[in-house]
Amino acid sequence: MSVSIRTVRTKREFKIFARFANKLYKGNPYYVPSMPFDDLNTFDKEKNGAFDFCDAEFYLAYRGDEVVGRVAAIVNHKANEAWKVNQVRFGWIDFIDDLEVSKALLDAVVAFGKAHGTTQIVGPLGFTDFDPEGMLVEGFDRVSTMALIYNHPYYPEHMKKHGYVKETGWVEYRITIPQELPEKHVKYAEIIKDRYNLKVRKLTKKQIRTEKYGHKLFDLINQTYCVLYGYSLLSPKQIDQYVDVYLGLVDMKMLTFIEDAEGNLIAAGVTIPSMAEALQKCNGEILPFGWWHLLKSMYWKKPDTLDMLLIGVRPDWQNKGINALLFVDLFQTYKKMGFKYAETNANLETNAKVQAMWTPFEREQHKKRWVFGKEIQ
């Protein structure tokens, strides 16, 4: 039976699209389910500020009446302009192990790209860097994280067979939380703090709101990440959106902010307890009892692993030892809370500065992911 591609239009179809990967990977011990309600907000043109500068279409692949794959086609005009490229992105791509299915999905994205005048297809990428990106090519036997993509080993093989090649890559690390920070690191952090008259701040959620610290944080992220592959600056609407998302997830003890002598934010670390096990238990669904597993992992029975969501130092303060001050505060907190391991976010292979942050710690580089690309004929 041949493969048919249908454009997602109705609320019911969007729900099928959002839940497809969780159904495909159900029972897989390494896959961490996404939260469909969160994905549906991302796909909603009224709720996602990225639609102010992105065009997108969503597709489902069928064999008869059975859904066998999904993909999103996205043209991020802001990123294309900033990076002087003419690309259509494919994201949220999942498919059964059938070359006809994966080709039909990618061909649908190419057709969308042609209609918008693009000359290259790349992915997996989302609307922005805060969406899942990069196809796993190494580390299939490791548990994923809430923020990153897990996929079957056959995915990258399909990409290569369809003529796609590596565009860029990321690596991920598993950090062992030290039982005791070396005294020299603690002293060095104090020296940096005194030398530049810096202040380490721990804030409440109320302070985040009243001091508009969410906007300060994401302004810092814009400045720090703007040089990274495919990044597009977040708009005020998007920042409001992400502040709401992150404030709902975080334990404020696991956030650290560093200000200069004038009170300007120059560095930040946003980390959370790993929600991998909780999401696996509820398969990404909040109802009827998924909320209990998530709350328990956040506040009561914390796992032994945490996720480092955002680590950033303002560019003009990099190479001055600010990382030491940031990590001394965070790692002391982790020890008090009983964490044993930290999962980094994806680090660009070419970003030596970020990877150098982990050298003082016992670490394992255990996953790799790629963005694939191809010229549109």
Protein backbone atom coordinates (compact mmCIF):
# COMPACT_ATOMS: atom_id res chain seq x y z
CA MET A 1 0.00 0.00 0.00
CA SER A 2 1.45 3.37 -1.03
CA VAL A 3 2.22 6.25 1.33
CA SER A 4 0.01 9.33 1.33
CA ILE A 5 0.89 12.69 2.86
CA ARG A 6 -1.84 14.81 4.42
CA THR A 7 -1.53 18.39 5.62
CA VAL A 8 -2.55 18.83 9.25
CA ARG A 9 -5.53 21.16 9.51
CA THR A 10 -7.92 20.25 12.32
CA LYS A 11 -7.50 20.17 16.11
CA ARG A 12 -7.88 16.40 16.00
CA GLU A 13 -5.10 16.08 13.42
CA PHE A 14 -2.79 18.32 15.46
CA LYS A 15 -3.39 16.09 18.49
CA ILE A 16 -2.49 13.03 16.39
CA PHE A 17 0.63 14.85 15.18
CA ALA A 18 1.65 15.85 18.72
CA ARG A 19 1.19 12.34 20.12
CA PHE A 20 2.69 10.31 17.26
CA ALA A 21 6.25 10.04 18.62
CA ASN A 22 5.02 9.05 22.09
CA LYS A 23 3.02 6.27 20.46
CA LEU A 24 5.93 5.19 18.21
CA TYR A 25 8.39 4.97 21.12
CA LYS A 26 6.07 3.75 23.87
CA GLY A 27 7.98 1.33 26.08
CA ASN A 28 11.39 2.37 24.73
CA PRO A 29 13.63 2.69 27.83
CA TYR A 30 15.71 5.55 26.37
CA TYR A 31 13.01 7.77 24.86
CA VAL A 32 11.66 10.61 27.01
CA PRO A 33 8.11 11.48 25.93
CA SER A 34 7.25 15.02 24.95
CA MET A 35 4.29 16.76 26.57
CA PRO A 36 1.60 16.98 23.85
CA PHE A 37 -0.13 19.98 25.46
CA ASP A 38 3.17 21.88 25.32
CA ASP A 39 3.77 20.87 21.70
CA LEU A 40 0.26 21.95 20.75
CA ASN A 41 0.99 25.43 22.13
CA THR A 42 4.16 25.52 20.02
CA PHE A 43 2.16 24.64 16.90
CA ASP A 44 -0.52 27.28 17.64
CA LYS A 45 -0.13 30.42 15.53
CA GLU A 46 -1.92 32.49 18.17
CA LYS A 47 0.29 31.35 21.06
CA ASN A 48 3.74 30.94 19.51
CA GLY A 49 5.47 34.25 18.82
CA ALA A 50 7.76 32.55 16.28
CA PHE A 51 4.91 32.65 13.76
CA ASP A 52 5.50 36.41 13.54
CA PHE A 53 8.58 35.62 11.41
CA CYS A 54 8.11 31.97 10.43
CA ASP A 55 5.93 30.17 7.91
CA ALA A 56 5.14 26.55 8.69
CA GLU A 57 3.11 23.55 7.63
CA PHE A 58 2.63 20.19 9.34
CA TYR A 59 2.27 16.82 7.63
CA LEU A 60 1.22 13.29 8.56
CA ALA A 61 2.17 10.21 6.54
CA TYR A 62 -0.43 7.45 6.17
CA ARG A 63 -0.53 3.90 4.89
CA GLY A 64 -4.24 3.40 4.46
CA ASP A 65 -5.75 4.64 7.72
CA GLU A 66 -2.60 4.14 9.81
CA VAL A 67 -0.33 7.07 10.70
CA VAL A 68 3.27 6.04 9.96
CA GLY A 69 5.15 9.35 10.18
CA ARG A 70 5.07 13.08 10.80
CA VAL A 71 7.12 16.18 9.98
CA ALA A 72 6.96 19.98 10.24
CA ALA A 73 8.18 22.27 7.44
CA ILE A 74 9.40 25.68 8.66
CA VAL A 75 10.84 28.76 6.97
CA ASN A 76 12.40 31.01 9.60
CA HIS A 77 12.76 34.28 7.70
CA LYS A 78 14.58 36.02 10.55
CA ALA A 79 17.24 33.29 10.76
CA ASN A 80 17.59 33.13 6.98
CA GLU A 81 18.19 36.88 6.85
CA ALA A 82 20.60 36.88 9.80
CA TRP A 83 22.69 34.00 8.45
CA LYS A 84 22.39 34.94 4.77
CA VAL A 85 20.92 31.56 3.83
CA ASN A 86 17.77 30.45 2.03
CA GLN A 87 16.64 27.38 3.93
CA VAL A 88 13.54 25.43 4.77
CA ARG A 89 13.78 23.48 8.01
CA PHE A 90 12.31 20.09 8.81
CA GLY A 91 11.44 19.43 12.43
CA TRP A 92 9.42 17.08 14.62
CA ILE A 93 10.28 14.31 12.18
CA ASP A 94 9.41 10.75 13.16
CA PHE A 95 8.73 7.70 11.02
CA ILE A 96 8.61 3.92 10.98
CA ASP A 97 11.57 2.06 9.47
CA ASP A 98 10.42 2.43 5.87
CA LEU A 99 12.40 4.43 3.31
CA GLU A 100 9.26 5.23 1.33
CA VAL A 101 7.74 6.89 4.39
CA SER A 102 10.79 9.00 5.30
CA LYS A 103 11.26 10.06 1.66
CA ALA A 104 7.61 11.10 1.33
CA LEU A 105 7.85 13.23 4.47
CA LEU A 106 11.07 14.94 3.36
CA ASP A 107 9.68 15.47 -0.14
CA ALA A 108 6.70 17.28 1.39
CA VAL A 109 9.10 19.65 3.17
CA VAL A 110 11.04 20.20 -0.08
CA ALA A 111 7.79 21.07 -1.88
CA PHE A 112 6.92 23.55 0.87
CA GLY A 113 10.43 25.01 0.60
CA LYS A 114 10.16 25.39 -3.17
CA ALA A 115 6.84 27.19 -2.78
CA HIS A 116 8.64 29.67 -0.51
CA GLY A 117 11.63 30.07 -2.80
CA THR A 118 14.18 28.26 -0.61
CA THR A 119 17.22 26.48 -2.06
CA GLN A 120 18.27 24.18 0.80
CA ILE A 121 16.57 21.86 3.27
CA VAL A 122 18.10 21.37 6.75
CA GLY A 123 17.08 19.69 9.99
CA PRO A 124 15.94 18.54 12.39
CA LEU A 125 15.44 22.12 13.56
CA GLY A 126 12.48 23.84 15.16
CA PHE A 127 11.22 27.38 14.95
CA THR A 128 14.04 28.51 17.28
CA ASP A 129 16.92 27.06 19.33
CA PHE A 130 14.46 26.48 22.17
CA ASP A 131 12.68 23.79 20.16
CA PRO A 132 14.05 20.22 19.81
CA GLU A 133 16.87 20.09 17.26
CA GLY A 134 19.56 17.75 15.98
CA MET A 135 19.17 14.06 15.08
CA LEU A 136 20.83 11.62 17.45
CA VAL A 137 23.69 9.75 15.71
CA GLU A 138 25.46 8.38 18.80
CA GLY A 139 24.18 7.45 22.27
CA PHE A 140 21.11 5.43 21.35
CA ASP A 141 21.52 3.37 24.54
CA ARG A 142 21.39 6.42 26.83
CA VAL A 143 18.29 7.97 28.33
CA SER A 144 17.39 11.22 26.60
CA THR A 145 16.39 14.46 28.32
CA MET A 146 13.16 16.44 28.26
CA ALA A 147 14.64 19.16 26.03
CA LEU A 148 16.44 17.01 23.44
CA ILE A 149 15.49 14.60 20.68
CA TYR A 150 15.73 10.83 20.93
CA ASN A 151 15.43 8.80 17.74
CA HIS A 152 15.94 5.25 16.52
CA PRO A 153 19.36 4.34 15.01
CA TYR A 154 17.73 3.90 11.61
CA TYR A 155 16.85 7.62 11.34
CA PRO A 156 20.32 8.89 10.33
CA GLU A 157 20.72 5.89 8.01
CA HIS A 158 17.56 6.96 6.18
CA MET A 159 18.93 10.50 5.87
CA LYS A 160 22.17 9.29 4.28
CA LYS A 161 20.31 7.00 1.87
CA HIS A 162 18.21 9.96 0.76
CA GLY A 163 21.37 11.95 -0.04
CA TYR A 164 21.49 14.18 3.04
CA VAL A 165 24.85 15.13 4.55
CA LYS A 166 25.99 16.53 7.89
CA GLU A 167 25.59 20.31 8.23
CA THR A 168 26.71 20.71 11.83
CA GLY A 169 26.92 18.66 15.01
CA TRP A 170 26.50 18.81 18.78
CA VAL A 171 27.92 16.78 21.64
CA GLU A 172 26.47 16.17 25.10
CA TYR A 173 28.15 15.39 28.40
CA ARG A 174 27.20 13.60 31.59
CA ILE A 175 28.90 15.35 34.50
CA THR A 176 29.57 13.66 37.84
CA ILE A 177 28.76 16.06 40.69
CA PRO A 178 31.89 16.23 42.89
CA GLN A 179 31.42 15.38 46.56
CA GLU A 180 33.76 18.22 47.44
CA LEU A 181 34.76 21.12 45.21
CA PRO A 182 38.54 21.56 45.13
CA GLU A 183 39.55 24.34 47.52
CA LYS A 184 41.46 26.07 44.73
CA HIS A 185 38.25 26.38 42.69
CA VAL A 186 36.36 27.91 45.60
CA LYS A 187 39.20 30.37 46.29
CA TYR A 188 39.48 31.25 42.60
CA ALA A 189 35.73 32.00 42.47
CA GLU A 190 36.07 34.33 45.47
CA ILE A 191 39.01 36.10 43.82
CA ILE A 192 36.95 36.66 40.65
CA LYS A 193 34.00 37.89 42.69
CA ASP A 194 36.14 40.40 44.62
CA ARG A 195 38.23 41.49 41.62
CA TYR A 196 35.20 42.59 39.60
CA ASN A 197 32.89 43.45 42.52
CA LEU A 198 30.33 40.86 41.41
CA LYS A 199 27.19 39.73 43.18
CA VAL A 200 25.69 36.21 43.18
CA ARG A 201 21.92 36.32 43.42
CA LYS A 202 19.28 33.70 44.20
CA LEU A 203 15.79 34.97 43.37
CA THR A 204 12.20 34.04 44.15
CA LYS A 205 9.58 33.65 41.45
CA LYS A 206 7.99 36.88 42.70
CA GLN A 207 11.29 38.73 42.20
CA ILE A 208 11.59 37.27 38.70
CA ARG A 209 8.24 38.88 37.92
CA THR A 210 8.58 42.20 39.76
CA GLU A 211 12.17 42.88 38.60
CA LYS A 212 11.37 41.70 35.05
CA TYR A 213 14.26 39.30 35.45
CA GLY A 214 12.86 36.94 32.84
CA HIS A 215 13.51 39.56 30.17
CA LYS A 216 16.97 40.24 31.59
CA LEU A 217 17.73 36.51 31.38
CA PHE A 218 16.60 36.08 27.80
CA ASP A 219 18.28 39.31 26.72
CA LEU A 220 21.45 37.71 28.09
CA ILE A 221 20.69 34.50 26.18
CA ASN A 222 20.15 36.50 22.98
CA GLN A 223 23.55 38.17 23.41
CA THR A 224 25.29 34.91 24.30
CA TYR A 225 23.72 32.56 21.75
CA CYS A 226 23.40 34.88 18.75
CA VAL A 227 26.66 33.58 17.24
CA LEU A 228 25.54 29.94 17.36
CA TYR A 229 24.34 27.93 14.36
CA GLY A 230 20.96 29.03 13.03
CA TYR A 231 20.06 31.17 16.04
CA SER A 232 17.38 33.83 15.62
CA LEU A 233 16.97 36.55 18.24
CA LEU A 234 13.97 36.05 20.50
CA SER A 235 11.26 38.68 20.28
CA PRO A 236 9.59 40.22 23.37
CA LYS A 237 6.51 38.06 22.71
CA GLN A 238 8.64 34.91 22.62
CA ILE A 239 10.46 35.94 25.78
CA ASP A 240 7.14 36.32 27.62
CA GLN A 241 6.20 32.87 26.34
CA TYR A 242 9.43 31.23 27.56
CA VAL A 243 9.37 33.00 30.93
CA ASP A 244 5.95 31.45 31.58
CA VAL A 245 7.18 28.00 30.51
CA TYR A 246 10.40 28.03 32.54
CA LEU A 247 8.90 29.55 35.69
CA GLY A 248 6.47 26.64 35.79
CA LEU A 249 9.33 24.12 35.74
CA VAL A 250 12.12 25.49 37.88
CA ASP A 251 13.09 25.07 41.51
CA MET A 252 14.49 28.53 42.27
CA LYS A 253 17.32 27.07 44.36
CA MET A 254 18.71 25.63 41.12
CA LEU A 255 18.99 29.02 39.40
CA THR A 256 22.01 31.25 39.85
CA PHE A 257 22.41 34.80 38.57
CA ILE A 258 25.55 36.93 38.58
CA GLU A 259 25.42 40.72 38.40
CA ASP A 260 28.17 43.28 37.89
CA ALA A 261 28.82 46.26 40.19
CA GLU A 262 26.02 48.24 38.51
CA GLY A 263 23.46 45.46 38.93
CA ASN A 264 23.53 44.31 35.30
CA LEU A 265 23.00 40.60 34.66
CA ILE A 266 26.21 39.14 33.20
CA ALA A 267 25.81 35.38 33.73
CA ALA A 268 23.13 32.85 34.57
CA GLY A 269 22.59 29.16 35.13
CA VAL A 270 19.11 27.66 34.76
CA THR A 271 18.92 24.00 35.78
CA ILE A 272 16.11 21.63 36.76
CA PRO A 273 15.75 18.11 38.17
CA SER A 274 15.62 15.57 35.36
CA MET A 275 12.02 14.86 34.39
CA ALA A 276 12.96 11.87 32.22
CA GLU A 277 11.64 9.17 34.55
CA ALA A 278 8.47 11.09 35.41
CA LEU A 279 7.67 11.71 31.74
CA GLN A 280 8.27 8.06 30.94
CA LYS A 281 5.87 6.99 33.70
CA CYS A 282 3.06 9.20 32.41
CA ASN A 283 4.03 9.00 28.69
CA GLY A 284 4.02 12.80 28.52
CA GLU A 285 0.35 13.13 29.51
CA ILE A 286 -0.62 15.42 32.38
CA LEU A 287 -4.03 13.78 32.91
CA PRO A 288 -5.25 11.85 34.70
CA PHE A 289 -2.23 11.37 37.02
CA GLY A 290 0.80 12.57 35.05
CA TRP A 291 0.91 15.80 37.02
CA TRP A 292 1.66 13.77 40.19
CA HIS A 293 4.79 12.18 38.71
CA LEU A 294 6.04 15.54 37.46
CA LEU A 295 5.45 17.40 40.74
CA LYS A 296 7.08 14.61 42.72
CA SER A 297 10.25 14.78 40.59
CA MET A 298 10.37 18.57 40.86
CA TYR A 299 9.74 19.09 44.56
CA TRP A 300 9.62 15.94 46.69
CA LYS A 301 11.38 12.79 45.48
CA LYS A 302 14.04 14.27 43.23
CA PRO A 303 15.99 12.03 40.83
CA ASP A 304 19.78 11.71 41.10
CA THR A 305 20.26 13.60 37.81
CA LEU A 306 19.62 17.20 36.79
CA ASP A 307 19.40 18.92 33.41
CA MET A 308 21.45 22.02 32.63
CA LEU A 309 18.96 23.91 30.47
CA LEU A 310 20.67 27.28 30.07
CA ILE A 311 24.21 28.32 30.96
CA GLY A 312 25.30 31.72 29.65
CA VAL A 313 27.94 34.38 30.21
CA ARG A 314 27.63 37.74 28.45
CA PRO A 315 30.22 37.91 25.63
CA ASP A 316 32.13 40.87 27.08
CA TRP A 317 32.54 38.94 30.36
CA GLN A 318 33.71 35.67 28.86
CA ASN A 319 37.28 34.47 29.48
CA LYS A 320 37.35 36.25 32.87
CA GLY A 321 36.64 33.27 35.11
CA ILE A 322 32.93 34.02 35.58
CA ASN A 323 32.11 30.34 34.95
CA ALA A 324 33.99 29.41 38.13
CA LEU A 325 31.79 31.68 40.24
CA LEU A 326 28.65 30.34 38.56
CA PHE A 327 29.56 26.67 39.01
CA VAL A 328 30.80 26.95 42.59
CA ASP A 329 27.39 28.26 43.62
CA LEU A 330 25.43 25.76 41.51
CA PHE A 331 27.47 22.68 42.43
CA GLN A 332 27.28 23.47 46.14
CA THR A 333 23.51 23.61 45.73
CA TYR A 334 23.47 20.31 43.84
CA LYS A 335 25.41 18.58 46.61
CA LYS A 336 22.99 19.84 49.29
CA MET A 337 20.05 18.60 47.20
CA GLY A 338 21.57 15.15 46.72
CA PHE A 339 22.19 15.17 42.98
CA LYS A 340 24.89 12.85 41.61
CA TYR A 341 24.92 13.68 37.88
CA ALA A 342 24.21 16.55 35.50
CA GLU A 343 23.23 16.29 31.84
CA THR A 344 24.45 19.18 29.71
CA ASN A 345 22.42 20.61 26.91
CA ALA A 346 23.72 20.07 23.36
CA ASN A 347 27.07 21.83 22.78
CA LEU A 348 28.16 22.68 19.25
CA GLU A 349 31.17 20.61 18.24
CA THR A 350 32.91 23.80 17.16
CA ASN A 351 32.19 25.70 20.40
CA ALA A 352 35.44 25.10 22.29
CA LYS A 353 34.58 27.74 24.92
CA VAL A 354 31.46 25.91 26.07
CA GLN A 355 33.10 22.49 26.06
CA ALA A 356 36.02 23.88 28.07
CA MET A 357 33.56 24.67 30.91
CA TRP A 358 33.33 20.96 31.73
CA THR A 359 37.07 20.21 31.90
CA PRO A 360 37.36 20.77 35.70
CA PHE A 361 34.82 17.97 36.30
CA GLU A 362 34.67 14.22 35.85
CA ARG A 363 32.69 13.87 32.65
CA GLU A 364 31.67 11.57 29.84
CA GLN A 365 30.87 12.70 26.30
CA HIS A 366 28.09 10.20 25.63
CA LYS A 367 25.86 11.53 22.85
CA LYS A 368 26.21 13.18 19.46
CA ARG A 369 23.60 14.69 17.19
CA TRP A 370 23.68 16.17 13.70
CA VAL A 371 21.74 18.52 11.52
CA PHE A 372 21.43 17.09 8.02
CA GLY A 373 21.14 19.15 4.84
CA LYS A 374 20.66 18.91 1.11
CA GLU A 375 20.40 21.33 -1.80
CA ILE A 376 16.92 21.62 -3.29
CA GLN A 377 16.96 20.75 -6.98
